[in-house]
């Protein structure tokens, strides 16, 4: 059996549209602070989204980060809208 080694991460070429180097990604996401009033379930998802965005320098995670953000929006809307039940996100937004 042969062992395959994973390649060392190579920066995603699109990252350079936003930052010069990986260390700059920390500054890019620094202001993405989760407010204290956010339910813990949504806060966890938002922290994951922030980390995914930071790691998108190397990996194609930016779309996944956006999807996680939408999940957090849905969690908060369900928490704040009485009788939200199982309505889909687009109805909660209306």
C-alpha atoms as a PDB file:
ATOM      1  CA  UNK A   1       0.000   0.000   0.000  1.00  0.00           C
ATOM      2  CA  UNK A   2       1.369   3.407  -0.928  1.00  0.00           C
ATOM      3  CA  UNK A   3       0.911   6.488   1.189  1.00  0.00           C
ATOM      4  CA  UNK A   4      -0.252   9.671  -0.469  1.00  0.00           C
ATOM      5  CA  UNK A   5       0.847  12.962   1.018  1.00  0.00           C
ATOM      6  CA  UNK A   6      -1.439  15.932   0.790  1.00  0.00           C
ATOM      7  CA  UNK A   7      -0.022  19.004  -0.861  1.00  0.00           C
ATOM      8  CA  UNK A   8       1.003  21.881   1.346  1.00  0.00           C
ATOM      9  CA  UNK A   9      -1.757  24.496   1.085  1.00  0.00           C
ATOM     10  CA  UNK A  10      -1.258  26.906  -1.785  1.00  0.00           C
ATOM     11  CA  UNK A  11      -3.029  30.270  -1.544  1.00  0.00           C
ATOM     12  CA  UNK A  12      -6.190  30.551  -3.571  1.00  0.00           C
ATOM     13  CA  UNK A  13      -5.322  32.980  -6.366  1.00  0.00           C
ATOM     14  CA  UNK A  14      -8.530  34.936  -5.680  1.00  0.00           C
ATOM     15  CA  UNK A  15      -7.412  35.754  -2.141  1.00  0.00           C
ATOM     16  CA  UNK A  16      -4.959  38.289  -3.481  1.00  0.00           C
ATOM     17  CA  UNK A  17      -7.871  40.473  -4.573  1.00  0.00           C
ATOM     18  CA  UNK A  18      -8.536  41.094  -0.874  1.00  0.00           C
ATOM     19  CA  UNK A  19      -5.256  40.662   1.000  1.00  0.00           C
ATOM     20  CA  UNK A  20      -1.565  40.416   0.276  1.00  0.00           C
ATOM     21  CA  UNK A  21      -0.763  37.519   2.588  1.00  0.00           C
ATOM     22  CA  UNK A  22      -2.439  35.080   4.960  1.00  0.00           C
ATOM     23  CA  UNK A  23      -1.604  37.173   8.040  1.00  0.00           C
ATOM     24  CA  UNK A  24      -3.792  39.939   6.580  1.00  0.00           C
ATOM     25  CA  UNK A  25      -6.808  37.637   6.767  1.00  0.00           C
ATOM     26  CA  UNK A  26      -6.817  38.153  10.545  1.00  0.00           C
ATOM     27  CA  UNK A  27      -7.327  41.881   9.979  1.00  0.00           C
ATOM     28  CA  UNK A  28      -9.978  41.194   7.353  1.00  0.00           C
ATOM     29  CA  UNK A  29     -12.193  39.274   9.799  1.00  0.00           C
ATOM     30  CA  UNK A  30     -11.261  41.205  12.946  1.00  0.00           C
ATOM     31  CA  UNK A  31     -14.408  43.356  12.872  1.00  0.00           C
ATOM     32  CA  UNK A  32     -16.705  40.358  12.408  1.00  0.00           C
ATOM     33  CA  UNK A  33     -17.596  40.260  16.085  1.00  0.00           C
ATOM     34  CA  UNK A  34     -20.508  38.178  17.320  1.00  0.00           C
ATOM     35  CA  UNK A  35     -22.808  40.374  19.466  1.00  0.00           C
ATOM     36  CA  UNK A  36     -23.520  39.178  23.003  1.00  0.00           C
ATOM     37  CA  UNK A  37     -27.287  39.177  22.404  1.00  0.00           C
ATOM     38  CA  UNK A  38     -27.067  36.536  19.678  1.00  0.00           C
ATOM     39  CA  UNK A  39     -28.362  33.089  20.752  1.00  0.00           C
ATOM     40  CA  UNK A  40     -25.476  30.702  21.423  1.00  0.00           C
ATOM     41  CA  UNK A  41     -26.488  28.393  18.566  1.00  0.00           C
ATOM     42  CA  UNK A  42     -26.212  31.288  16.101  1.00  0.00           C
ATOM     43  CA  UNK A  43     -23.031  32.595  17.742  1.00  0.00           C
ATOM     44  CA  UNK A  44     -21.336  29.232  17.232  1.00  0.00           C
ATOM     45  CA  UNK A  45     -22.334  29.190  13.570  1.00  0.00           C
ATOM     46  CA  UNK A  46     -21.125  32.787  13.098  1.00  0.00           C
ATOM     47  CA  UNK A  47     -17.751  32.023  14.703  1.00  0.00           C
ATOM     48  CA  UNK A  48     -17.406  29.069  12.342  1.00  0.00           C
ATOM     49  CA  UNK A  49     -18.314  31.291   9.381  1.00  0.00           C
ATOM     50  CA  UNK A  50     -15.664  33.810  10.434  1.00  0.00           C
ATOM     51  CA  UNK A  51     -13.016  31.095  10.660  1.00  0.00           C
ATOM     52  CA  UNK A  52     -14.058  29.650   7.299  1.00  0.00           C
ATOM     53  CA  UNK A  53     -13.696  33.088   5.765  1.00  0.00           C
ATOM     54  CA  UNK A  54     -10.237  33.480   7.297  1.00  0.00           C
ATOM     55  CA  UNK A  55      -9.169  30.084   5.996  1.00  0.00           C
ATOM     56  CA  UNK A  56     -10.495  30.892   2.526  1.00  0.00           C
ATOM     57  CA  UNK A  57      -7.057  32.347   1.817  1.00  0.00           C
ATOM     58  CA  UNK A  58      -5.971  28.757   1.200  1.00  0.00           C
ATOM     59  CA  UNK A  59      -9.216  26.887   0.582  1.00  0.00           C
ATOM     60  CA  UNK A  60     -12.461  27.529  -1.268  1.00  0.00           C
ATOM     61  CA  UNK A  61     -14.391  28.220   1.932  1.00  0.00           C
ATOM     62  CA  UNK A  62     -15.836  31.665   1.237  1.00  0.00           C
ATOM     63  CA  UNK A  63     -19.078  30.246  -0.195  1.00  0.00           C
ATOM     64  CA  UNK A  64     -19.359  27.871   2.752  1.00  0.00           C
ATOM     65  CA  UNK A  65     -18.815  30.839   5.095  1.00  0.00           C
ATOM     66  CA  UNK A  66     -21.705  32.696   3.455  1.00  0.00           C
ATOM     67  CA  UNK A  67     -23.952  29.641   3.819  1.00  0.00           C
ATOM     68  CA  UNK A  68     -23.063  29.398   7.512  1.00  0.00           C
ATOM     69  CA  UNK A  69     -23.954  33.066   7.913  1.00  0.00           C
ATOM     70  CA  UNK A  70     -27.372  32.391   6.401  1.00  0.00           C
ATOM     71  CA  UNK A  71     -27.880  29.525   8.839  1.00  0.00           C
ATOM     72  CA  UNK A  72     -27.129  31.944  11.680  1.00  0.00           C
ATOM     73  CA  UNK A  73     -29.654  34.441  10.282  1.00  0.00           C
ATOM     74  CA  UNK A  74     -32.280  31.711  10.216  1.00  0.00           C
ATOM     75  CA  UNK A  75     -31.514  30.687  13.813  1.00  0.00           C
ATOM     76  CA  UNK A  76     -31.866  34.282  15.024  1.00  0.00           C
ATOM     77  CA  UNK A  77     -35.088  34.866  13.086  1.00  0.00           C
ATOM     78  CA  UNK A  78     -36.610  31.673  14.495  1.00  0.00           C
ATOM     79  CA  UNK A  79     -35.598  32.843  17.960  1.00  0.00           C
ATOM     80  CA  UNK A  80     -37.062  36.333  17.521  1.00  0.00           C
ATOM     81  CA  UNK A  81     -40.222  35.750  15.449  1.00  0.00           C
ATOM     82  CA  UNK A  82     -43.137  34.351  17.462  1.00  0.00           C
ATOM     83  CA  UNK A  83     -44.694  31.334  15.762  1.00  0.00           C
ATOM     84  CA  UNK A  84     -41.846  30.953  13.250  1.00  0.00           C
ATOM     85  CA  UNK A  85     -42.339  27.213  13.370  1.00  0.00           C
ATOM     86  CA  UNK A  86     -40.882  25.483  10.348  1.00  0.00           C
ATOM     87  CA  UNK A  87     -41.333  28.343   7.889  1.00  0.00           C
ATOM     88  CA  UNK A  88     -38.565  28.493   5.280  1.00  0.00           C
ATOM     89  CA  UNK A  89     -35.940  31.218   5.538  1.00  0.00           C
ATOM     90  CA  UNK A  90     -37.401  33.349   2.750  1.00  0.00           C
ATOM     91  CA  UNK A  91     -40.733  33.549   4.623  1.00  0.00           C
ATOM     92  CA  UNK A  92     -38.971  34.435   7.871  1.00  0.00           C
ATOM     93  CA  UNK A  93     -37.166  37.271   6.089  1.00  0.00           C
ATOM     94  CA  UNK A  94     -40.487  38.661   4.793  1.00  0.00           C
END
